[in-house]
C-alpha cells in the first residue's frame, strides 16, 4: 500500500447451516448486509454462496481500518445477526480479519 492509498481491512465470516436451515440463515445474513452497508466505516459488504459446498455462505466486508472492523464485531448489528443466526448453524462461524496486500476499493 502506498502512502496515498487509504487503509483498508477485510473481514470474512463463513457460515455452515444446519440441514433445512439454509433459507432462514440466508435471510438473516442478507438483512445484516443491508444494515451493515450503512455503517459509517464500512466500505462494502457482500454475501456469497459457495459453489463447492452447498449451503455454505460467506460474508466479505471491507472496512476503512482494522480498528473499525474490530469495533463492528462488538456492535449491536453484529450481536443481533449472531443471535438470529445461531439457531440455524451446524458449526461455529469462522471469522477472520485480513490486512490488504492487493485489494481495490471503488469508493
Protein backbone atom coordinates (compact mmCIF):
# COMPACT_ATOMS: atom_id res chain seq x y z
CA UNK A 1 0.00 0.00 0.00
CA UNK A 2 1.36 3.43 -0.91
CA UNK A 3 1.14 6.49 1.31
CA UNK A 4 -1.70 7.98 -0.76
CA UNK A 5 -3.89 4.86 -0.54
CA UNK A 6 -6.39 4.64 2.32
CA UNK A 7 -6.01 1.90 4.92
CA UNK A 8 -8.34 -0.99 4.22
CA UNK A 9 -9.14 -4.12 6.23
CA UNK A 10 -11.19 -7.09 5.06
CA UNK A 11 -13.25 -9.20 7.44
CA UNK A 12 -14.67 -12.57 6.39
CA UNK A 13 -17.19 -14.78 8.14
CA UNK A 14 -18.03 -18.29 6.91
CA UNK A 15 -21.33 -19.92 7.89
CA UNK A 16 -22.38 -23.56 7.54
CA UNK A 17 -26.14 -24.03 8.09
CA UNK A 18 -27.94 -26.91 9.73
CA UNK A 19 -29.75 -29.12 7.22
CA UNK A 20 -33.02 -27.41 6.33
CA UNK A 21 -31.89 -24.01 7.70
CA UNK A 22 -30.26 -22.70 4.52
CA UNK A 23 -33.03 -20.26 3.61
CA UNK A 24 -33.56 -18.79 7.10
CA UNK A 25 -29.81 -18.32 7.53
CA UNK A 26 -29.55 -16.62 4.15
CA UNK A 27 -32.37 -14.26 5.14
CA UNK A 28 -30.62 -13.35 8.41
CA UNK A 29 -27.34 -12.64 6.63
CA UNK A 30 -28.98 -10.72 3.77
CA UNK A 31 -30.64 -8.41 6.31
CA UNK A 32 -27.29 -7.96 8.06
CA UNK A 33 -25.66 -6.97 4.75
CA UNK A 34 -28.25 -4.24 4.11
CA UNK A 35 -27.83 -2.82 7.62
CA UNK A 36 -24.03 -3.07 7.69
CA UNK A 37 -23.58 -1.33 4.34
CA UNK A 38 -24.89 1.81 6.08
CA UNK A 39 -22.25 1.67 8.85
CA UNK A 40 -20.02 4.77 8.64
CA UNK A 41 -16.69 2.92 8.35
CA UNK A 42 -17.98 0.14 6.06
CA UNK A 43 -16.65 0.39 2.53
CA UNK A 44 -18.69 -2.58 1.28
CA UNK A 45 -20.05 -5.94 2.36
CA UNK A 46 -21.12 -8.86 0.18
CA UNK A 47 -22.85 -12.18 0.82
CA UNK A 48 -21.60 -15.11 -1.24
CA UNK A 49 -22.86 -18.68 -1.63
CA UNK A 50 -20.31 -21.46 -2.08
CA UNK A 51 -20.34 -23.29 -5.40
CA UNK A 52 -18.34 -26.17 -3.87
CA UNK A 53 -20.16 -26.62 -0.52
CA UNK A 54 -23.97 -26.43 -0.83
CA UNK A 55 -25.50 -24.14 1.79
CA UNK A 56 -22.19 -22.56 2.89
CA UNK A 57 -22.32 -18.76 2.99
CA UNK A 58 -19.51 -16.23 3.20
CA UNK A 59 -19.64 -12.58 4.24
CA UNK A 60 -16.84 -10.39 2.91
CA UNK A 61 -16.70 -6.88 4.38
CA UNK A 62 -14.26 -4.09 3.60
CA UNK A 63 -13.63 -1.61 6.41
CA UNK A 64 -11.76 1.68 6.49
CA UNK A 65 -9.37 0.19 9.07
CA UNK A 66 -8.76 -2.89 11.17
CA UNK A 67 -9.86 -0.86 14.21
CA UNK A 68 -13.21 -0.12 12.52
CA UNK A 69 -13.69 -3.82 11.73
CA UNK A 70 -12.91 -4.80 15.33
CA UNK A 71 -15.31 -2.15 16.63
CA UNK A 72 -18.01 -3.57 14.38
CA UNK A 73 -17.52 -7.01 15.91
CA UNK A 74 -18.85 -5.52 19.18
CA UNK A 75 -21.71 -3.60 17.51
CA UNK A 76 -25.42 -4.06 18.05
CA UNK A 77 -25.80 -5.08 14.38
CA UNK A 78 -23.29 -7.90 14.77
CA UNK A 79 -24.84 -9.07 18.06
CA UNK A 80 -28.33 -9.07 16.53
CA UNK A 81 -27.16 -11.02 13.48
CA UNK A 82 -25.31 -13.55 15.64
CA UNK A 83 -28.32 -14.14 17.88
CA UNK A 84 -30.59 -14.65 14.85
CA UNK A 85 -28.08 -16.90 13.05
CA UNK A 86 -27.11 -19.28 15.89
CA UNK A 87 -30.25 -21.48 15.72
CA UNK A 88 -29.55 -22.10 12.01
CA UNK A 89 -25.85 -23.02 12.26
CA UNK A 90 -24.32 -26.50 12.11
CA UNK A 91 -20.94 -25.20 13.32
CA UNK A 92 -19.48 -22.08 14.85
CA UNK A 93 -18.88 -19.36 12.20
CA UNK A 94 -15.29 -18.90 11.10
CA UNK A 95 -14.42 -15.17 11.34
CA UNK A 96 -11.11 -13.71 10.18
CA UNK A 97 -9.63 -10.24 9.68
CA UNK A 98 -7.18 -9.56 6.87
CA UNK A 99 -4.78 -6.75 6.12
CA UNK A 100 -4.83 -5.99 2.43
CA UNK A 101 -1.87 -6.86 0.26
CA UNK A 102 -3.60 -6.22 -3.04
CA UNK A 103 -7.22 -5.12 -2.83
CA UNK A 104 -9.03 -2.49 -4.81
CA UNK A 105 -11.68 -0.27 -3.28
CA UNK A 106 -14.01 1.50 -5.68
CA UNK A 107 -15.21 4.11 -3.15
